[in-house]
Structure formats: C-alpha cells, structure tokens
Amino acid sequence: MENIKYKSEDIAKKEFTPKETACSSGSKEYNIFIDTIVSVVEKYGAEILEEIDCAV
C-alpha cells in the first residue's frame, strides 16, 4: 500500500479531456462540412421537399 501514488483531480481531468478532433464543433473540417451541407440544402432543399410531398 505504500507504493500507491495518488493523482490530483486536476491531473486526472486533463488526462481524460478529449482533445479537438475533426468531428468536434470548433474544428476547421467540421465548419467546412457544415457549410457544404447548408449550401446543398439551400440549393436542393425545396426541390427535394416537393418530390417527397408528391410521393406521399
């Protein structure tokens, strides 16, 4: 039991905090993806909704 080392809470939190990845909301890749999706929806959204409405 003498050999057990205890870590402070601050160190433990730092170790388990996920780092920014391509999927995180602040990353450059995420922002490019969202901008692309928005442009596709703006361009084709109305047309797709009309087709869905006609199919129902």
PDB file of N, CA and C in Angstrom:
ATOM      1  N   MET A   1       0.812  -1.192   0.000  1.00  0.00           N
ATOM      2  CA  MET A   1       0.000   0.000   0.000  1.00  0.00           C
ATOM      3  C   MET A   1       0.857   1.258   0.000  1.00  0.00           C
ATOM      4  N   GLU A   2       2.065   1.154   0.412  1.00  0.00           N
ATOM      5  CA  GLU A   2       2.937   2.316   0.476  1.00  0.00           C
ATOM      6  C   GLU A   2       3.326   2.813  -0.913  1.00  0.00           C
ATOM      7  N   ASN A   3       3.274   1.946  -1.911  1.00  0.00           N
ATOM      8  CA  ASN A   3       3.706   2.294  -3.253  1.00  0.00           C
ATOM      9  C   ASN A   3       2.607   2.946  -4.098  1.00  0.00           C
ATOM     10  N   ILE A   4       1.420   3.068  -3.570  1.00  0.00           N
ATOM     11  CA  ILE A   4       0.306   3.651  -4.326  1.00  0.00           C
ATOM     12  C   ILE A   4       0.512   5.151  -4.436  1.00  0.00           C
ATOM     13  N   LYS A   5       0.451   5.643  -5.660  1.00  0.00           N
ATOM     14  CA  LYS A   5       0.590   7.078  -5.893  1.00  0.00           C
ATOM     15  C   LYS A   5      -0.777   7.637  -6.263  1.00  0.00           C
ATOM     16  N   TYR A   6      -1.148   8.729  -5.657  1.00  0.00           N
ATOM     17  CA  TYR A   6      -2.439   9.351  -5.916  1.00  0.00           C
ATOM     18  C   TYR A   6      -2.257  10.573  -6.810  1.00  0.00           C
ATOM     19  N   LYS A   7      -3.154  10.719  -7.766  1.00  0.00           N
ATOM     20  CA  LYS A   7      -3.117  11.878  -8.657  1.00  0.00           C
ATOM     21  C   LYS A   7      -4.141  12.895  -8.181  1.00  0.00           C
ATOM     22  N   SER A   8      -3.821  14.131  -8.375  1.00  0.00           N
ATOM     23  CA  SER A   8      -4.792  15.161  -8.010  1.00  0.00           C
ATOM     24  C   SER A   8      -5.921  15.159  -9.034  1.00  0.00           C
ATOM     25  N   GLU A   9      -7.058  15.751  -8.687  1.00  0.00           N
ATOM     26  CA  GLU A   9      -8.205  15.778  -9.592  1.00  0.00           C
ATOM     27  C   GLU A   9      -7.898  16.538 -10.867  1.00  0.00           C
ATOM     28  N   ASP A  10      -7.124  17.604 -10.780  1.00  0.00           N
ATOM     29  CA  ASP A  10      -6.798  18.406 -11.953  1.00  0.00           C
ATOM     30  C   ASP A  10      -6.046  17.588 -12.998  1.00  0.00           C
ATOM     31  N   ILE A  11      -5.093  16.808 -12.548  1.00  0.00           N
ATOM     32  CA  ILE A  11      -4.319  15.984 -13.478  1.00  0.00           C
ATOM     33  C   ILE A  11      -5.212  14.916 -14.086  1.00  0.00           C
ATOM     34  N   ALA A  12      -6.064  14.301 -13.299  1.00  0.00           N
ATOM     35  CA  ALA A  12      -6.963  13.262 -13.802  1.00  0.00           C
ATOM     36  C   ALA A  12      -7.920  13.832 -14.837  1.00  0.00           C
ATOM     37  N   LYS A  13      -8.446  15.043 -14.614  1.00  0.00           N
ATOM     38  CA  LYS A  13      -9.365  15.645 -15.569  1.00  0.00           C
ATOM     39  C   LYS A  13      -8.663  15.961 -16.875  1.00  0.00           C
ATOM     40  N   LYS A  14      -7.417  16.427 -16.808  1.00  0.00           N
ATOM     41  CA  LYS A  14      -6.667  16.759 -18.020  1.00  0.00           C
ATOM     42  C   LYS A  14      -6.425  15.518 -18.859  1.00  0.00           C
ATOM     43  N   GLU A  15      -6.166  14.406 -18.222  1.00  0.00           N
ATOM     44  CA  GLU A  15      -5.880  13.176 -18.946  1.00  0.00           C
ATOM     45  C   GLU A  15      -7.107  12.648 -19.680  1.00  0.00           C
ATOM     46  N   PHE A  16      -8.292  12.876 -19.141  1.00  0.00           N
ATOM     47  CA  PHE A  16      -9.496  12.318 -19.737  1.00  0.00           C
ATOM     48  C   PHE A  16     -10.277  13.324 -20.565  1.00  0.00           C
ATOM     49  N   THR A  17      -9.815  14.545 -20.681  1.00  0.00           N
ATOM     50  CA  THR A  17     -10.489  15.537 -21.503  1.00  0.00           C
ATOM     51  C   THR A  17     -10.124  15.267 -22.954  1.00  0.00           C
ATOM     52  N   PRO A  18     -11.123  15.002 -23.798  1.00  0.00           N
ATOM     53  CA  PRO A  18     -10.805  14.705 -25.198  1.00  0.00           C
ATOM     54  C   PRO A  18     -10.242  15.925 -25.899  1.00  0.00           C
ATOM     55  N   LYS A  19      -9.258  15.694 -26.726  1.00  0.00           N
ATOM     56  CA  LYS A  19      -8.665  16.775 -27.491  1.00  0.00           C
ATOM     57  C   LYS A  19      -9.514  17.034 -28.721  1.00  0.00           C
ATOM     58  N   GLU A  20      -9.320  18.197 -29.333  1.00  0.00           N
ATOM     59  CA  GLU A  20     -10.110  18.563 -30.504  1.00  0.00           C
ATOM     60  C   GLU A  20      -9.829  17.588 -31.649  1.00  0.00           C
ATOM     61  N   THR A  21     -10.887  17.074 -32.223  1.00  0.00           N
ATOM     62  CA  THR A  21     -10.761  16.163 -33.354  1.00  0.00           C
ATOM     63  C   THR A  21     -11.463  16.765 -34.548  1.00  0.00           C
ATOM     64  N   ALA A  22     -11.418  16.072 -35.675  1.00  0.00           N
ATOM     65  CA  ALA A  22     -12.070  16.556 -36.885  1.00  0.00           C
ATOM     66  C   ALA A  22     -13.579  16.636 -36.705  1.00  0.00           C
ATOM     67  N   CYS A  23     -14.122  15.899 -35.746  1.00  0.00           N
ATOM     68  CA  CYS A  23     -15.565  15.879 -35.530  1.00  0.00           C
ATOM     69  C   CYS A  23     -16.026  16.917 -34.517  1.00  0.00           C
ATOM     70  N   SER A  24     -15.131  17.526 -33.812  1.00  0.00           N
ATOM     71  CA  SER A  24     -15.558  18.486 -32.799  1.00  0.00           C
ATOM     72  C   SER A  24     -16.079  19.753 -33.459  1.00  0.00           C
ATOM     73  N   SER A  25     -17.010  20.405 -32.783  1.00  0.00           N
ATOM     74  CA  SER A  25     -17.753  21.507 -33.388  1.00  0.00           C
ATOM     75  C   SER A  25     -16.915  22.745 -33.682  1.00  0.00           C
ATOM     76  N   GLY A  26     -15.726  22.858 -33.156  1.00  0.00           N
ATOM     77  CA  GLY A  26     -14.918  24.040 -33.395  1.00  0.00           C
ATOM     78  C   GLY A  26     -13.848  23.855 -34.454  1.00  0.00           C
ATOM     79  N   SER A  27     -13.718  22.663 -35.004  1.00  0.00           N
ATOM     80  CA  SER A  27     -12.622  22.398 -35.924  1.00  0.00           C
ATOM     81  C   SER A  27     -12.908  22.937 -37.322  1.00  0.00           C
ATOM     82  N   LYS A  28     -11.848  23.130 -38.070  1.00  0.00           N
ATOM     83  CA  LYS A  28     -11.950  23.645 -39.436  1.00  0.00           C
ATOM     84  C   LYS A  28     -12.720  22.663 -40.331  1.00  0.00           C
ATOM     85  N   GLU A  29     -12.430  21.376 -40.192  1.00  0.00           N
ATOM     86  CA  GLU A  29     -13.094  20.361 -41.012  1.00  0.00           C
ATOM     87  C   GLU A  29     -14.591  20.327 -40.749  1.00  0.00           C
ATOM     88  N   TYR A  30     -14.967  20.452 -39.491  1.00  0.00           N
ATOM     89  CA  TYR A  30     -16.384  20.457 -39.124  1.00  0.00           C
ATOM     90  C   TYR A  30     -17.086  21.660 -39.749  1.00  0.00           C
ATOM     91  N   ASN A  31     -16.474  22.827 -39.661  1.00  0.00           N
ATOM     92  CA  ASN A  31     -17.083  24.034 -40.222  1.00  0.00           C
ATOM     93  C   ASN A  31     -17.226  23.936 -41.737  1.00  0.00           C
ATOM     94  N   ILE A  32     -16.232  23.366 -42.422  1.00  0.00           N
ATOM     95  CA  ILE A  32     -16.330  23.160 -43.869  1.00  0.00           C
ATOM     96  C   ILE A  32     -17.476  22.205 -44.187  1.00  0.00           C
ATOM     97  N   PHE A  33     -17.589  21.124 -43.421  1.00  0.00           N
ATOM     98  CA  PHE A  33     -18.662  20.155 -43.629  1.00  0.00           C
ATOM     99  C   PHE A  33     -20.032  20.806 -43.458  1.00  0.00           C
ATOM    100  N   ILE A  34     -20.208  21.571 -42.384  1.00  0.00           N
ATOM    101  CA  ILE A  34     -21.492  22.226 -42.124  1.00  0.00           C
ATOM    102  C   ILE A  34     -21.811  23.225 -43.233  1.00  0.00           C
ATOM    103  N   ASP A  35     -20.828  24.009 -43.666  1.00  0.00           N
ATOM    104  CA  ASP A  35     -21.053  24.967 -44.753  1.00  0.00           C
ATOM    105  C   ASP A  35     -21.478  24.260 -46.035  1.00  0.00           C
ATOM    106  N   THR A  36     -20.870  23.116 -46.324  1.00  0.00           N
ATOM    107  CA  THR A  36     -21.225  22.345 -47.515  1.00  0.00           C
ATOM    108  C   THR A  36     -22.645  21.813 -47.420  1.00  0.00           C
ATOM    109  N   ILE A  37     -23.001  21.258 -46.278  1.00  0.00           N
ATOM    110  CA  ILE A  37     -24.354  20.738 -46.079  1.00  0.00           C
ATOM    111  C   ILE A  37     -25.387  21.856 -46.216  1.00  0.00           C
ATOM    112  N   VAL A  38     -25.096  23.004 -45.640  1.00  0.00           N
ATOM    113  CA  VAL A  38     -26.021  24.143 -45.713  1.00  0.00           C
ATOM    114  C   VAL A  38     -26.212  24.573 -47.161  1.00  0.00           C
ATOM    115  N   SER A  39     -25.134  24.629 -47.925  1.00  0.00           N
ATOM    116  CA  SER A  39     -25.263  25.052 -49.324  1.00  0.00           C
ATOM    117  C   SER A  39     -26.063  24.041 -50.139  1.00  0.00           C
ATOM    118  N   VAL A  40     -25.890  22.750 -49.872  1.00  0.00           N
ATOM    119  CA  VAL A  40     -26.659  21.718 -50.586  1.00  0.00           C
ATOM    120  C   VAL A  40     -28.139  21.831 -50.240  1.00  0.00           C
ATOM    121  N   VAL A  41     -28.447  22.015 -48.967  1.00  0.00           N
ATOM    122  CA  VAL A  41     -29.848  22.145 -48.547  1.00  0.00           C
ATOM    123  C   VAL A  41     -30.472  23.397 -49.145  1.00  0.00           C
ATOM    124  N   GLU A  42     -29.727  24.506 -49.159  1.00  0.00           N
ATOM    125  CA  GLU A  42     -30.254  25.733 -49.748  1.00  0.00           C
ATOM    126  C   GLU A  42     -30.529  25.564 -51.234  1.00  0.00           C
ATOM    127  N   LYS A  43     -29.670  24.839 -51.934  1.00  0.00           N
ATOM    128  CA  LYS A  43     -29.797  24.690 -53.379  1.00  0.00           C
ATOM    129  C   LYS A  43     -30.883  23.681 -53.761  1.00  0.00           C
ATOM    130  N   TYR A  44     -30.928  22.546 -53.082  1.00  0.00           N
ATOM    131  CA  TYR A  44     -31.815  21.454 -53.499  1.00  0.00           C
ATOM    132  C   TYR A  44     -32.944  21.160 -52.521  1.00  0.00           C
ATOM    133  N   GLY A  45     -32.996  21.833 -51.395  1.00  0.00           N
ATOM    134  CA  GLY A  45     -33.972  21.522 -50.363  1.00  0.00           C
ATOM    135  C   GLY A  45     -35.410  21.620 -50.814  1.00  0.00           C
ATOM    136  N   ALA A  46     -35.774  22.719 -51.472  1.00  0.00           N
ATOM    137  CA  ALA A  46     -37.159  22.921 -51.917  1.00  0.00           C
ATOM    138  C   ALA A  46     -37.565  21.856 -52.930  1.00  0.00           C
ATOM    139  N   GLU A  47     -36.676  21.543 -53.858  1.00  0.00           N
ATOM    140  CA  GLU A  47     -36.964  20.528 -54.877  1.00  0.00           C
ATOM    141  C   GLU A  47     -37.194  19.155 -54.250  1.00  0.00           C
ATOM    142  N   ILE A  48     -36.353  18.803 -53.305  1.00  0.00           N
ATOM    143  CA  ILE A  48     -36.485  17.511 -52.639  1.00  0.00           C
ATOM    144  C   ILE A  48     -37.779  17.449 -51.832  1.00  0.00           C
ATOM    145  N   LEU A  49     -38.117  18.548 -51.140  1.00  0.00           N
ATOM    146  CA  LEU A  49     -39.354  18.564 -50.367  1.00  0.00           C
ATOM    147  C   LEU A  49     -40.577  18.445 -51.272  1.00  0.00           C
ATOM    148  N   GLU A  50     -40.550  19.052 -52.446  1.00  0.00           N
ATOM    149  CA  GLU A  50     -41.668  18.909 -53.400  1.00  0.00           C
ATOM    150  C   GLU A  50     -41.808  17.456 -53.848  1.00  0.00           C
ATOM    151  N   GLU A  51     -40.688  16.809 -54.141  1.00  0.00           N
ATOM    152  CA  GLU A  51     -40.735  15.405 -54.560  1.00  0.00           C
ATOM    153  C   GLU A  51     -41.264  14.506 -53.445  1.00  0.00           C
ATOM    154  N   ILE A  52     -40.859  14.776 -52.228  1.00  0.00           N
ATOM    155  CA  ILE A  52     -41.354  13.991 -51.095  1.00  0.00           C
ATOM    156  C   ILE A  52     -42.857  14.229 -50.924  1.00  0.00           C
ATOM    157  N   ASP A  53     -43.284  15.469 -51.063  1.00  0.00           N
ATOM    158  CA  ASP A  53     -44.695  15.816 -50.910  1.00  0.00           C
ATOM    159  C   ASP A  53     -45.543  15.129 -51.999  1.00  0.00           C
ATOM    160  N   CYS A  54     -45.030  15.068 -53.214  1.00  0.00           N
ATOM    161  CA  CYS A  54     -45.764  14.403 -54.302  1.00  0.00           C
ATOM    162  C   CYS A  54     -45.843  12.892 -54.092  1.00  0.00           C
ATOM    163  N   ALA A  55     -44.846  12.327 -53.468  1.00  0.00           N
ATOM    164  CA  ALA A  55     -44.804  10.886 -53.260  1.00  0.00           C
ATOM    165  C   ALA A  55     -45.780  10.437 -52.171  1.00  0.00           C
ATOM    166  N   VAL A  56     -46.139  11.314 -51.289  1.00  0.00           N
ATOM    167  CA  VAL A  56     -46.985  10.933 -50.159  1.00  0.00           C
ATOM    168  C   VAL A  56     -48.423  10.983 -50.511  1.00  0.00           C
TER     169      VAL A  56
END
